[in-house]
Amino acid sequence: MGKPPRRSKAAAKKLSKPARRAQLLATAHTIVREEGTDALTLGHLAERAGVSKPIAYEHFETRAGLLIALYQEIDDRQVAALKDALKRTKPRLQDVARVIGRAHVECCLAIGRESQAISAALRGDEQTEKFQQSLIHRYAAIYCDALAPYTKLSREELRLRCLALIGASDAITREMSSGRTSPGAAASTLASLISASLESK
């Protein structure tokens, strides 16, 4: 039983730093899916990845740092998919709203449970709370850029409405994840909320 880990460590020494980080993150995702976030420690990560503890600490420093890196990776994929979808949609409010609503739902379906577990583990720590707030404001900026051509609202009021939409989106997708509404209904409701939110006073 001891030989495979030794071979893994030997192979690990040949990896570049970016490749090693990618391997560690992939292993961390596996731990979350198979064992839950409570099992995700830097020591356990090193053991599962077949590397020494100092290597895991060198990349992430703390458990919070590892959780942030995991969630950042998930979020980057979601942002890339959303931006790509927005580039390909027609420049009409209804179409843009539909794309945003559908993208939020599809992301939740694809990585929802893992993402939610990591998000829950991030709560309660000042560093991780600031990180989550930065993600929310990142999405608000993307929504503002996408929706600005379709409203006469000031940038600040549009930003605040986008923040409200993000909160509503999270609430609706939680309903979907719990089985209390369907993906189609969730996406449709989000699109309707987005369109309605741009009405001027």
N, C-alpha and C. Protein backbone atom coordinates (compact mmCIF):
# COMPACT_ATOMS: atom_id res chain seq x y z
N MET A 1 0.82 -1.21 0.00
CA MET A 1 0.00 0.00 0.00
C MET A 1 0.85 1.26 0.00
N GLY A 2 2.14 1.12 0.43
CA GLY A 2 2.98 2.30 0.54
C GLY A 2 3.57 2.75 -0.77
N LYS A 3 3.69 1.84 -1.76
CA LYS A 3 4.38 2.18 -2.99
C LYS A 3 3.66 3.22 -3.84
N PRO A 4 2.33 3.10 -4.06
CA PRO A 4 1.67 4.10 -4.89
C PRO A 4 1.85 5.53 -4.42
N PRO A 5 1.70 5.83 -3.10
CA PRO A 5 1.93 7.20 -2.65
C PRO A 5 3.34 7.69 -2.96
N ARG A 6 4.34 6.76 -2.81
CA ARG A 6 5.72 7.18 -3.08
C ARG A 6 5.89 7.53 -4.55
N ARG A 7 5.26 6.75 -5.44
CA ARG A 7 5.36 7.05 -6.86
C ARG A 7 4.68 8.38 -7.16
N SER A 8 3.55 8.62 -6.46
CA SER A 8 2.82 9.87 -6.67
C SER A 8 3.69 11.05 -6.26
N LYS A 9 4.39 10.93 -5.12
CA LYS A 9 5.25 12.01 -4.67
C LYS A 9 6.40 12.23 -5.64
N ALA A 10 6.95 11.13 -6.17
CA ALA A 10 8.07 11.26 -7.10
C ALA A 10 7.62 11.99 -8.36
N ALA A 11 6.41 11.61 -8.84
CA ALA A 11 5.89 12.27 -10.03
C ALA A 11 5.57 13.73 -9.73
N ALA A 12 5.12 13.98 -8.50
CA ALA A 12 4.72 15.33 -8.14
C ALA A 12 5.89 16.30 -8.23
N LYS A 13 7.09 15.84 -7.93
CA LYS A 13 8.25 16.72 -7.95
C LYS A 13 8.54 17.26 -9.34
N LYS A 14 8.04 16.59 -10.38
CA LYS A 14 8.30 17.00 -11.75
C LYS A 14 7.31 18.06 -12.23
N LEU A 15 6.26 18.29 -11.48
CA LEU A 15 5.25 19.26 -11.90
C LEU A 15 5.70 20.69 -11.67
N SER A 16 5.29 21.58 -12.58
CA SER A 16 5.54 23.00 -12.37
C SER A 16 4.62 23.50 -11.26
N LYS A 17 4.89 24.69 -10.75
CA LYS A 17 4.06 25.22 -9.67
C LYS A 17 2.59 25.38 -10.09
N PRO A 18 2.31 25.94 -11.29
CA PRO A 18 0.91 26.02 -11.71
C PRO A 18 0.25 24.65 -11.85
N ALA A 19 0.99 23.68 -12.37
CA ALA A 19 0.43 22.33 -12.53
C ALA A 19 0.19 21.69 -11.17
N ARG A 20 1.09 21.93 -10.23
CA ARG A 20 0.90 21.39 -8.89
C ARG A 20 -0.34 22.01 -8.24
N ARG A 21 -0.51 23.31 -8.40
CA ARG A 21 -1.69 23.97 -7.82
C ARG A 21 -2.97 23.39 -8.43
N ALA A 22 -2.95 23.20 -9.75
CA ALA A 22 -4.13 22.63 -10.42
C ALA A 22 -4.43 21.23 -9.90
N GLN A 23 -3.38 20.44 -9.67
CA GLN A 23 -3.57 19.08 -9.15
C GLN A 23 -4.16 19.12 -7.74
N LEU A 24 -3.66 20.02 -6.92
CA LEU A 24 -4.15 20.13 -5.55
C LEU A 24 -5.61 20.59 -5.52
N LEU A 25 -5.96 21.53 -6.39
CA LEU A 25 -7.34 21.99 -6.44
C LEU A 25 -8.27 20.89 -6.93
N ALA A 26 -7.83 20.12 -7.92
CA ALA A 26 -8.65 19.01 -8.41
C ALA A 26 -8.87 17.99 -7.30
N THR A 27 -7.82 17.72 -6.52
CA THR A 27 -7.93 16.78 -5.41
C THR A 27 -8.87 17.33 -4.34
N ALA A 28 -8.78 18.63 -4.09
CA ALA A 28 -9.66 19.26 -3.09
C ALA A 28 -11.12 19.16 -3.51
N HIS A 29 -11.39 19.37 -4.79
CA HIS A 29 -12.77 19.22 -5.29
C HIS A 29 -13.27 17.80 -5.04
N THR A 30 -12.41 16.82 -5.26
CA THR A 30 -12.78 15.42 -5.05
C THR A 30 -13.10 15.16 -3.59
N ILE A 31 -12.30 15.72 -2.70
CA ILE A 31 -12.54 15.55 -1.26
C ILE A 31 -13.89 16.13 -0.87
N VAL A 32 -14.20 17.32 -1.38
CA VAL A 32 -15.49 17.96 -1.06
C VAL A 32 -16.64 17.10 -1.55
N ARG A 33 -16.53 16.59 -2.78
CA ARG A 33 -17.62 15.77 -3.34
C ARG A 33 -17.78 14.45 -2.58
N GLU A 34 -16.67 13.83 -2.21
CA GLU A 34 -16.72 12.49 -1.61
C GLU A 34 -16.86 12.50 -0.09
N GLU A 35 -16.27 13.51 0.58
CA GLU A 35 -16.21 13.48 2.04
C GLU A 35 -16.82 14.71 2.72
N GLY A 36 -17.10 15.76 1.93
CA GLY A 36 -17.65 16.97 2.51
C GLY A 36 -16.56 17.97 2.89
N THR A 37 -16.97 19.19 3.15
CA THR A 37 -16.00 20.25 3.44
C THR A 37 -15.31 20.08 4.79
N ASP A 38 -15.96 19.41 5.73
CA ASP A 38 -15.34 19.22 7.05
C ASP A 38 -14.05 18.42 6.94
N ALA A 39 -13.97 17.56 5.93
CA ALA A 39 -12.78 16.73 5.75
C ALA A 39 -11.66 17.46 5.03
N LEU A 40 -11.96 18.66 4.54
CA LEU A 40 -10.98 19.37 3.73
C LEU A 40 -10.02 20.18 4.61
N THR A 41 -8.92 19.56 4.94
CA THR A 41 -7.83 20.24 5.64
C THR A 41 -6.60 20.17 4.76
N LEU A 42 -5.63 21.01 5.02
CA LEU A 42 -4.42 20.99 4.21
C LEU A 42 -3.66 19.69 4.39
N GLY A 43 -3.70 19.13 5.60
CA GLY A 43 -3.03 17.86 5.84
C GLY A 43 -3.67 16.73 5.05
N HIS A 44 -5.00 16.68 5.08
CA HIS A 44 -5.71 15.63 4.34
C HIS A 44 -5.54 15.82 2.83
N LEU A 45 -5.55 17.07 2.39
CA LEU A 45 -5.32 17.35 0.97
C LEU A 45 -3.96 16.82 0.53
N ALA A 46 -2.93 17.10 1.33
CA ALA A 46 -1.59 16.63 0.99
C ALA A 46 -1.55 15.11 0.92
N GLU A 47 -2.22 14.46 1.86
CA GLU A 47 -2.24 12.99 1.88
C GLU A 47 -2.93 12.44 0.64
N ARG A 48 -4.09 13.01 0.29
CA ARG A 48 -4.83 12.52 -0.87
C ARG A 48 -4.10 12.81 -2.18
N ALA A 49 -3.37 13.92 -2.22
CA ALA A 49 -2.66 14.30 -3.44
C ALA A 49 -1.31 13.61 -3.56
N GLY A 50 -0.86 12.97 -2.47
CA GLY A 50 0.42 12.28 -2.50
C GLY A 50 1.61 13.21 -2.43
N VAL A 51 1.44 14.33 -1.69
CA VAL A 51 2.54 15.29 -1.53
C VAL A 51 2.76 15.54 -0.04
N SER A 52 3.82 16.24 0.29
CA SER A 52 4.08 16.57 1.67
C SER A 52 3.22 17.75 2.12
N LYS A 53 3.00 17.87 3.42
CA LYS A 53 2.20 18.97 3.94
C LYS A 53 2.77 20.34 3.57
N PRO A 54 4.11 20.53 3.63
CA PRO A 54 4.65 21.84 3.28
C PRO A 54 4.27 22.30 1.87
N ILE A 55 4.11 21.36 0.95
CA ILE A 55 3.72 21.73 -0.41
C ILE A 55 2.32 22.30 -0.41
N ALA A 56 1.40 21.66 0.31
CA ALA A 56 0.02 22.15 0.38
C ALA A 56 -0.01 23.52 1.05
N TYR A 57 0.76 23.68 2.13
CA TYR A 57 0.79 24.97 2.83
C TYR A 57 1.44 26.06 1.98
N GLU A 58 2.40 25.68 1.17
CA GLU A 58 3.06 26.66 0.30
C GLU A 58 2.07 27.28 -0.69
N HIS A 59 1.14 26.46 -1.17
CA HIS A 59 0.18 26.94 -2.16
C HIS A 59 -0.99 27.71 -1.57
N PHE A 60 -1.45 27.31 -0.37
CA PHE A 60 -2.69 27.90 0.15
C PHE A 60 -2.57 28.54 1.54
N GLU A 61 -1.51 28.27 2.25
CA GLU A 61 -1.20 28.85 3.56
C GLU A 61 -2.16 28.41 4.67
N THR A 62 -3.45 28.55 4.45
CA THR A 62 -4.43 28.19 5.47
C THR A 62 -5.60 27.45 4.83
N ARG A 63 -6.44 26.85 5.66
CA ARG A 63 -7.65 26.19 5.16
C ARG A 63 -8.57 27.21 4.48
N ALA A 64 -8.65 28.41 5.08
CA ALA A 64 -9.46 29.46 4.47
C ALA A 64 -8.92 29.82 3.09
N GLY A 65 -7.60 29.87 2.96
CA GLY A 65 -6.99 30.16 1.67
C GLY A 65 -7.33 29.10 0.63
N LEU A 66 -7.38 27.85 1.07
CA LEU A 66 -7.74 26.75 0.17
C LEU A 66 -9.20 26.87 -0.26
N LEU A 67 -10.09 27.14 0.69
CA LEU A 67 -11.51 27.28 0.36
C LEU A 67 -11.74 28.44 -0.61
N ILE A 68 -11.04 29.54 -0.38
CA ILE A 68 -11.16 30.69 -1.27
C ILE A 68 -10.69 30.33 -2.67
N ALA A 69 -9.57 29.63 -2.76
CA ALA A 69 -9.05 29.23 -4.08
C ALA A 69 -10.02 28.31 -4.80
N LEU A 70 -10.65 27.40 -4.06
CA LEU A 70 -11.64 26.50 -4.66
C LEU A 70 -12.83 27.27 -5.20
N TYR A 71 -13.38 28.16 -4.37
CA TYR A 71 -14.56 28.91 -4.79
C TYR A 71 -14.23 29.86 -5.92
N GLN A 72 -13.03 30.44 -5.89
CA GLN A 72 -12.60 31.34 -6.96
C GLN A 72 -12.56 30.61 -8.29
N GLU A 73 -12.06 29.38 -8.27
CA GLU A 73 -11.98 28.58 -9.49
C GLU A 73 -13.39 28.31 -10.04
N ILE A 74 -14.31 27.94 -9.17
CA ILE A 74 -15.70 27.69 -9.58
C ILE A 74 -16.30 28.98 -10.15
N ASP A 75 -16.08 30.08 -9.46
CA ASP A 75 -16.67 31.35 -9.86
C ASP A 75 -16.11 31.84 -11.18
N ASP A 76 -14.81 31.64 -11.39
CA ASP A 76 -14.20 32.06 -12.65
C ASP A 76 -14.83 31.33 -13.84
N ARG A 77 -15.13 30.05 -13.66
CA ARG A 77 -15.78 29.29 -14.72
C ARG A 77 -17.18 29.84 -15.00
N GLN A 78 -17.90 30.19 -13.94
CA GLN A 78 -19.25 30.72 -14.09
C GLN A 78 -19.21 32.07 -14.80
N VAL A 79 -18.30 32.92 -14.41
CA VAL A 79 -18.18 34.25 -15.02
C VAL A 79 -17.82 34.12 -16.50
N ALA A 80 -16.89 33.22 -16.83
CA ALA A 80 -16.49 33.03 -18.22
C ALA A 80 -17.67 32.56 -19.07
N ALA A 81 -18.46 31.63 -18.53
CA ALA A 81 -19.62 31.12 -19.26
C ALA A 81 -20.66 32.22 -19.46
N LEU A 82 -20.88 33.04 -18.43
CA LEU A 82 -21.86 34.12 -18.53
C LEU A 82 -21.42 35.15 -19.56
N LYS A 83 -20.17 35.56 -19.51
CA LYS A 83 -19.67 36.56 -20.46
C LYS A 83 -19.74 36.04 -21.90
N ASP A 84 -19.42 34.78 -22.08
CA ASP A 84 -19.49 34.18 -23.42
C ASP A 84 -20.93 34.17 -23.93
N ALA A 85 -21.87 33.80 -23.05
CA ALA A 85 -23.28 33.77 -23.44
C ALA A 85 -23.79 35.16 -23.78
N LEU A 86 -23.37 36.16 -23.00
CA LEU A 86 -23.80 37.54 -23.27
C LEU A 86 -23.27 38.05 -24.60
N LYS A 87 -22.06 37.65 -24.96
CA LYS A 87 -21.48 38.08 -26.23
C LYS A 87 -22.28 37.53 -27.41
N ARG A 88 -22.86 36.34 -27.22
CA ARG A 88 -23.55 35.67 -28.32
C ARG A 88 -25.04 35.98 -28.39
N THR A 89 -25.57 36.74 -27.44
CA THR A 89 -27.01 37.01 -27.44
C THR A 89 -27.35 38.29 -28.20
N LYS A 90 -28.61 38.39 -28.62
CA LYS A 90 -29.06 39.58 -29.33
C LYS A 90 -29.12 40.78 -28.37
N PRO A 91 -28.84 41.97 -28.87
CA PRO A 91 -28.84 43.16 -28.00
C PRO A 91 -30.24 43.68 -27.71
N ARG A 92 -31.02 42.86 -27.02
CA ARG A 92 -32.36 43.24 -26.58
C ARG A 92 -32.51 42.88 -25.11
N LEU A 93 -33.20 43.72 -24.37
CA LEU A 93 -33.31 43.51 -22.92
C LEU A 93 -33.84 42.12 -22.58
N GLN A 94 -34.91 41.70 -23.25
CA GLN A 94 -35.50 40.41 -22.94
C GLN A 94 -34.53 39.27 -23.15
N ASP A 95 -33.72 39.36 -24.21
CA ASP A 95 -32.74 38.30 -24.48
C ASP A 95 -31.60 38.32 -23.47
N VAL A 96 -31.13 39.51 -23.13
CA VAL A 96 -30.06 39.62 -22.14
C VAL A 96 -30.53 39.12 -20.78
N ALA A 97 -31.75 39.50 -20.40
CA ALA A 97 -32.30 39.04 -19.12
C ALA A 97 -32.45 37.53 -19.11
N ARG A 98 -32.90 36.97 -20.24
CA ARG A 98 -33.07 35.52 -20.33
C ARG A 98 -31.73 34.80 -20.19
N VAL A 99 -30.69 35.34 -20.80
CA VAL A 99 -29.36 34.73 -20.74
C VAL A 99 -28.83 34.76 -19.30
N ILE A 100 -28.97 35.89 -18.62
CA ILE A 100 -28.49 36.01 -17.25
C ILE A 100 -29.23 35.03 -16.34
N GLY A 101 -30.56 34.97 -16.47
CA GLY A 101 -31.34 34.06 -15.64
C GLY A 101 -30.98 32.61 -15.89
N ARG A 102 -30.86 32.24 -17.16
CA ARG A 102 -30.54 30.86 -17.50
C ARG A 102 -29.13 30.49 -17.05
N ALA A 103 -28.18 31.41 -17.20
CA ALA A 103 -26.79 31.14 -16.80
C ALA A 103 -26.70 30.87 -15.31
N HIS A 104 -27.45 31.65 -14.52
CA HIS A 104 -27.43 31.45 -13.06
C HIS A 104 -27.98 30.08 -12.69
N VAL A 105 -29.06 29.69 -13.34
CA VAL A 105 -29.68 28.40 -13.06
C VAL A 105 -28.78 27.25 -13.51
N GLU A 106 -28.22 27.37 -14.71
CA GLU A 106 -27.38 26.30 -15.25
C GLU A 106 -26.13 26.09 -14.40
N CYS A 107 -25.56 27.19 -13.90
CA CYS A 107 -24.40 27.06 -13.03
C CYS A 107 -24.78 26.33 -11.75
N CYS A 108 -25.92 26.69 -11.19
CA CYS A 108 -26.38 26.05 -9.97
C CYS A 108 -26.59 24.56 -10.18
N LEU A 109 -27.14 24.19 -11.35
CA LEU A 109 -27.38 22.78 -11.64
C LEU A 109 -26.07 22.02 -11.83
N ALA A 110 -25.10 22.67 -12.47
CA ALA A 110 -23.84 22.00 -12.79
C ALA A 110 -22.94 21.82 -11.57
N ILE A 111 -22.86 22.83 -10.74
CA ILE A 111 -21.91 22.77 -9.62
C ILE A 111 -22.55 23.19 -8.31
N GLY A 112 -23.89 23.17 -8.29
CA GLY A 112 -24.62 23.72 -7.15
C GLY A 112 -24.23 23.15 -5.80
N ARG A 113 -24.31 21.84 -5.63
CA ARG A 113 -24.09 21.25 -4.32
C ARG A 113 -22.67 21.50 -3.82
N GLU A 114 -21.71 21.30 -4.70
CA GLU A 114 -20.32 21.51 -4.30
C GLU A 114 -20.08 22.99 -3.99
N SER A 115 -20.59 23.87 -4.85
CA SER A 115 -20.43 25.30 -4.65
C SER A 115 -21.08 25.75 -3.35
N GLN A 116 -22.29 25.26 -3.08
CA GLN A 116 -23.00 25.64 -1.87
C GLN A 116 -22.28 25.15 -0.62
N ALA A 117 -21.71 23.96 -0.69
CA ALA A 117 -20.98 23.42 0.45
C ALA A 117 -19.75 24.26 0.76
N ILE A 118 -19.03 24.64 -0.29
CA ILE A 118 -17.83 25.46 -0.10
C ILE A 118 -18.22 26.85 0.40
N SER A 119 -19.29 27.40 -0.18
CA SER A 119 -19.77 28.72 0.25
C SER A 119 -20.14 28.71 1.73
N ALA A 120 -20.83 27.65 2.16
CA ALA A 120 -21.22 27.55 3.57
C ALA A 120 -19.99 27.47 4.47
N ALA A 121 -18.96 26.76 4.01
CA ALA A 121 -17.74 26.61 4.81
C ALA A 121 -16.97 27.92 4.90
N LEU A 122 -17.22 28.83 3.97
CA LEU A 122 -16.52 30.12 3.95
C LEU A 122 -17.10 31.12 4.95
N ARG A 123 -18.27 30.84 5.48
CA ARG A 123 -18.92 31.80 6.36
C ARG A 123 -18.28 31.86 7.74
N GLY A 124 -18.34 33.06 8.33
CA GLY A 124 -17.91 33.19 9.72
C GLY A 124 -16.48 33.62 9.91
N ASP A 125 -15.75 33.82 8.82
CA ASP A 125 -14.36 34.24 8.90
C ASP A 125 -14.23 35.57 8.16
N GLU A 126 -13.54 36.54 8.76
CA GLU A 126 -13.46 37.88 8.17
C GLU A 126 -12.85 37.85 6.77
N GLN A 127 -11.79 37.07 6.61
CA GLN A 127 -11.13 36.99 5.31
C GLN A 127 -12.06 36.43 4.24
N THR A 128 -12.77 35.35 4.60
CA THR A 128 -13.63 34.71 3.62
C THR A 128 -14.90 35.52 3.37
N GLU A 129 -15.38 36.21 4.40
CA GLU A 129 -16.56 37.07 4.21
C GLU A 129 -16.24 38.19 3.22
N LYS A 130 -15.06 38.79 3.34
CA LYS A 130 -14.65 39.84 2.41
C LYS A 130 -14.53 39.29 1.00
N PHE A 131 -14.03 38.07 0.90
CA PHE A 131 -13.91 37.43 -0.41
C PHE A 131 -15.28 37.25 -1.05
N GLN A 132 -16.24 36.74 -0.28
CA GLN A 132 -17.57 36.53 -0.83
C GLN A 132 -18.23 37.84 -1.25
N GLN A 133 -18.01 38.89 -0.47
CA GLN A 133 -18.54 40.19 -0.84
C GLN A 133 -17.92 40.68 -2.15
N SER A 134 -16.64 40.40 -2.34
CA SER A 134 -15.98 40.82 -3.58
C SER A 134 -16.58 40.11 -4.79
N LEU A 135 -16.99 38.85 -4.61
CA LEU A 135 -17.62 38.12 -5.70
C LEU A 135 -18.98 38.71 -6.05
N ILE A 136 -19.74 39.08 -5.03
CA ILE A 136 -21.05 39.68 -5.27
C ILE A 136 -20.92 40.98 -6.06
N HIS A 137 -19.95 41.80 -5.67
CA HIS A 137 -19.75 43.07 -6.37
C HIS A 137 -19.20 42.84 -7.78
N ARG A 138 -18.48 41.76 -7.97
CA ARG A 138 -18.00 41.40 -9.30
C ARG A 138 -19.18 41.11 -10.22
N TYR A 139 -20.14 40.33 -9.73
CA TYR A 139 -21.32 40.03 -10.54
C TYR A 139 -22.17 41.28 -10.76
N ALA A 140 -22.28 42.12 -9.75
CA ALA A 140 -23.05 43.34 -9.92
C ALA A 140 -22.47 44.19 -11.05
N ALA A 141 -21.15 44.25 -11.14
CA ALA A 141 -20.50 45.03 -12.20
C ALA A 141 -20.79 44.42 -13.57
N ILE A 142 -20.76 43.08 -13.66
CA ILE A 142 -21.06 42.41 -14.93
C ILE A 142 -22.50 42.67 -15.34
N TYR A 143 -23.43 42.55 -14.38
CA TYR A 143 -24.84 42.80 -14.67
C TYR A 143 -25.04 44.25 -15.11
N CYS A 144 -24.39 45.18 -14.43
CA CYS A 144 -24.52 46.60 -14.78
C CYS A 144 -24.07 46.85 -16.22
N ASP A 145 -22.93 46.30 -16.59
CA ASP A 145 -22.41 46.49 -17.94
C ASP A 145 -23.36 45.92 -18.98
N ALA A 146 -23.95 44.76 -18.66
CA ALA A 146 -24.84 44.10 -19.61
C ALA A 146 -26.18 44.81 -19.74
N LEU A 147 -26.66 45.40 -18.65
CA LEU A 147 -28.01 45.98 -18.63
C LEU A 147 -28.05 47.49 -18.86
N ALA A 148 -26.91 48.15 -18.72
CA ALA A 148 -26.87 49.61 -18.84
C ALA A 148 -27.47 50.15 -20.15
N PRO A 149 -27.27 49.48 -21.29
CA PRO A 149 -27.83 50.02 -22.54
C PRO A 149 -29.36 50.04 -22.58
N TYR A 150 -30.00 49.37 -21.64
CA TYR A 150 -31.45 49.21 -21.71
C TYR A 150 -32.20 49.97 -20.61
N THR A 151 -31.54 50.92 -19.98
CA THR A 151 -32.19 51.67 -18.91
C THR A 151 -31.66 53.09 -18.84
N LYS A 152 -32.49 53.99 -18.29
CA LYS A 152 -32.06 55.36 -18.06
C LYS A 152 -31.68 55.59 -16.61
N LEU A 153 -31.67 54.52 -15.83
CA LEU A 153 -31.27 54.63 -14.43
C LEU A 153 -29.83 55.09 -14.32
N SER A 154 -29.52 55.78 -13.25
CA SER A 154 -28.12 56.16 -13.01
C SER A 154 -27.31 54.90 -12.74
N ARG A 155 -26.01 55.01 -12.93
CA ARG A 155 -25.15 53.85 -12.71
C ARG A 155 -25.26 53.34 -11.27
N GLU A 156 -25.34 54.25 -10.32
CA GLU A 156 -25.42 53.84 -8.92
C GLU A 156 -26.73 53.14 -8.61
N GLU A 157 -27.84 53.67 -9.13
CA GLU A 157 -29.12 53.00 -8.87
C GLU A 157 -29.17 51.66 -9.57
N LEU A 158 -28.61 51.58 -10.77
CA LEU A 158 -28.55 50.31 -11.48
C LEU A 158 -27.70 49.31 -10.70
N ARG A 159 -26.59 49.76 -10.13
CA ARG A 159 -25.72 48.88 -9.35
C ARG A 159 -26.47 48.32 -8.15
N LEU A 160 -27.23 49.18 -7.46
CA LEU A 160 -27.97 48.72 -6.30
C LEU A 160 -29.05 47.71 -6.69
N ARG A 161 -29.69 47.96 -7.82
CA ARG A 161 -30.71 47.01 -8.28
C ARG A 161 -30.08 45.68 -8.68
N CYS A 162 -28.90 45.74 -9.25
CA CYS A 162 -28.21 44.49 -9.61
C CYS A 162 -27.83 43.70 -8.36
N LEU A 163 -27.42 44.39 -7.32
CA LEU A 163 -27.13 43.71 -6.05
C LEU A 163 -28.39 43.04 -5.51
N ALA A 164 -29.53 43.72 -5.64
CA ALA A 164 -30.79 43.13 -5.19
C ALA A 164 -31.14 41.91 -6.04
N LEU A 165 -30.88 41.99 -7.34
CA LEU A 165 -31.16 40.87 -8.23
C LEU A 165 -30.31 39.65 -7.88
N ILE A 166 -29.07 39.89 -7.49
CA ILE A 166 -28.20 38.78 -7.10
C ILE A 166 -28.75 38.07 -5.88
N GLY A 167 -29.24 38.84 -4.90
CA GLY A 167 -29.84 38.24 -3.72
C GLY A 167 -31.08 37.44 -4.08
N ALA A 168 -31.91 38.00 -4.98
CA ALA A 168 -33.12 37.29 -5.41
C ALA A 168 -32.76 36.02 -6.18
N SER A 169 -31.73 36.11 -7.00
CA SER A 169 -31.29 34.94 -7.78
C SER A 169 -30.86 33.80 -6.86
N ASP A 170 -30.12 34.14 -5.83
CA ASP A 170 -29.67 33.11 -4.89
C ASP A 170 -30.85 32.47 -4.16
N ALA A 171 -31.84 33.29 -3.79
CA ALA A 171 -33.01 32.77 -3.09
C ALA A 171 -33.81 31.83 -4.00
N ILE A 172 -33.97 32.21 -5.26
CA ILE A 172 -34.75 31.39 -6.19
C ILE A 172 -34.04 30.08 -6.51
N THR A 173 -32.72 30.14 -6.69
CA THR A 173 -32.01 28.90 -7.00
C THR A 173 -31.93 27.98 -5.78
N ARG A 174 -32.01 28.54 -4.59
CA ARG A 174 -32.11 27.67 -3.40
C ARG A 174 -33.44 26.92 -3.41
N GLU A 175 -34.50 27.59 -3.83
CA GLU A 175 -35.79 26.92 -3.97
C GLU A 175 -35.69 25.80 -5.00
N MET A 176 -35.00 26.06 -6.08
CA MET A 176 -34.81 25.06 -7.13
C MET A 176 -34.00 23.87 -6.61
N SER A 177 -32.92 24.17 -5.90
CA SER A 177 -32.06 23.11 -5.38
C SER A 177 -32.80 22.21 -4.39
N SER A 178 -33.75 22.78 -3.67
CA SER A 178 -34.51 22.01 -2.69
C SER A 178 -35.68 21.27 -3.33
N GLY A 179 -35.89 21.48 -4.64
CA GLY A 179 -36.95 20.78 -5.34
C GLY A 179 -38.31 21.46 -5.27
N ARG A 180 -38.36 22.68 -4.74
CA ARG A 180 -39.64 23.36 -4.59
C ARG A 180 -40.05 24.16 -5.82
N THR A 181 -39.16 24.26 -6.80
CA THR A 181 -39.51 24.85 -8.09
C THR A 181 -38.62 24.22 -9.16
N SER A 182 -39.01 24.35 -10.40
CA SER A 182 -38.26 23.71 -11.49
C SER A 182 -37.21 24.66 -12.05
N PRO A 183 -36.19 24.12 -12.72
CA PRO A 183 -35.18 24.98 -13.35
C PRO A 183 -35.79 25.96 -14.34
N GLY A 184 -36.77 25.48 -15.12
CA GLY A 184 -37.41 26.37 -16.09
C GLY A 184 -38.12 27.53 -15.43
N ALA A 185 -38.85 27.23 -14.36
CA ALA A 185 -39.57 28.28 -13.64
C ALA A 185 -38.60 29.25 -12.99
N ALA A 186 -37.51 28.73 -12.45
CA ALA A 186 -36.50 29.58 -11.81
C ALA A 186 -35.88 30.54 -12.82
N ALA A 187 -35.49 30.02 -13.98
CA ALA A 187 -34.86 30.85 -15.01
C ALA A 187 -35.84 31.90 -15.54
N SER A 188 -37.08 31.50 -15.76
CA SER A 188 -38.10 32.42 -16.25
C SER A 188 -38.37 33.54 -15.25
N THR A 189 -38.46 33.17 -13.97
CA THR A 189 -38.72 34.18 -12.94
C THR A 189 -37.56 35.17 -12.83
N LEU A 190 -36.35 34.66 -12.90
CA LEU A 190 -35.19 35.54 -12.84
C LEU A 190 -35.17 36.51 -14.01
N ALA A 191 -35.47 36.01 -15.21
CA ALA A 191 -35.50 36.88 -16.38
C ALA A 191 -36.56 37.97 -16.22
N SER A 192 -37.73 37.61 -15.70
CA SER A 192 -38.80 38.58 -15.49
C SER A 192 -38.40 39.64 -14.46
N LEU A 193 -37.74 39.20 -13.40
CA LEU A 193 -37.29 40.14 -12.37
C LEU A 193 -36.27 41.13 -12.93
N ILE A 194 -35.37 40.62 -13.75
CA ILE A 194 -34.34 41.48 -14.34
C ILE A 194 -34.98 42.55 -15.22
N SER A 195 -35.90 42.12 -16.08
CA SER A 195 -36.56 43.07 -16.98
C SER A 195 -37.35 44.11 -16.18
N ALA A 196 -38.10 43.65 -15.20
CA ALA A 196 -38.94 44.56 -14.41
C ALA A 196 -38.11 45.54 -13.58
N SER A 197 -36.92 45.10 -13.17
CA SER A 197 -36.09 45.95 -12.29
C SER A 197 -35.55 47.18 -13.00
N LEU A 198 -35.60 47.19 -14.33
CA LEU A 198 -35.03 48.31 -15.08
C LEU A 198 -36.04 49.40 -15.38
N GLU A 199 -37.25 49.24 -14.89
CA GLU A 199 -38.25 50.29 -15.10
C GLU A 199 -37.88 51.52 -14.31
N SER A 200 -37.87 52.66 -14.93
CA SER A 200 -37.54 53.91 -14.25
C SER A 200 -38.65 54.33 -13.33
N LYS A 201 -38.29 55.12 -12.33
CA LYS A 201 -39.30 55.65 -11.41
C LYS A 201 -40.17 56.66 -12.14
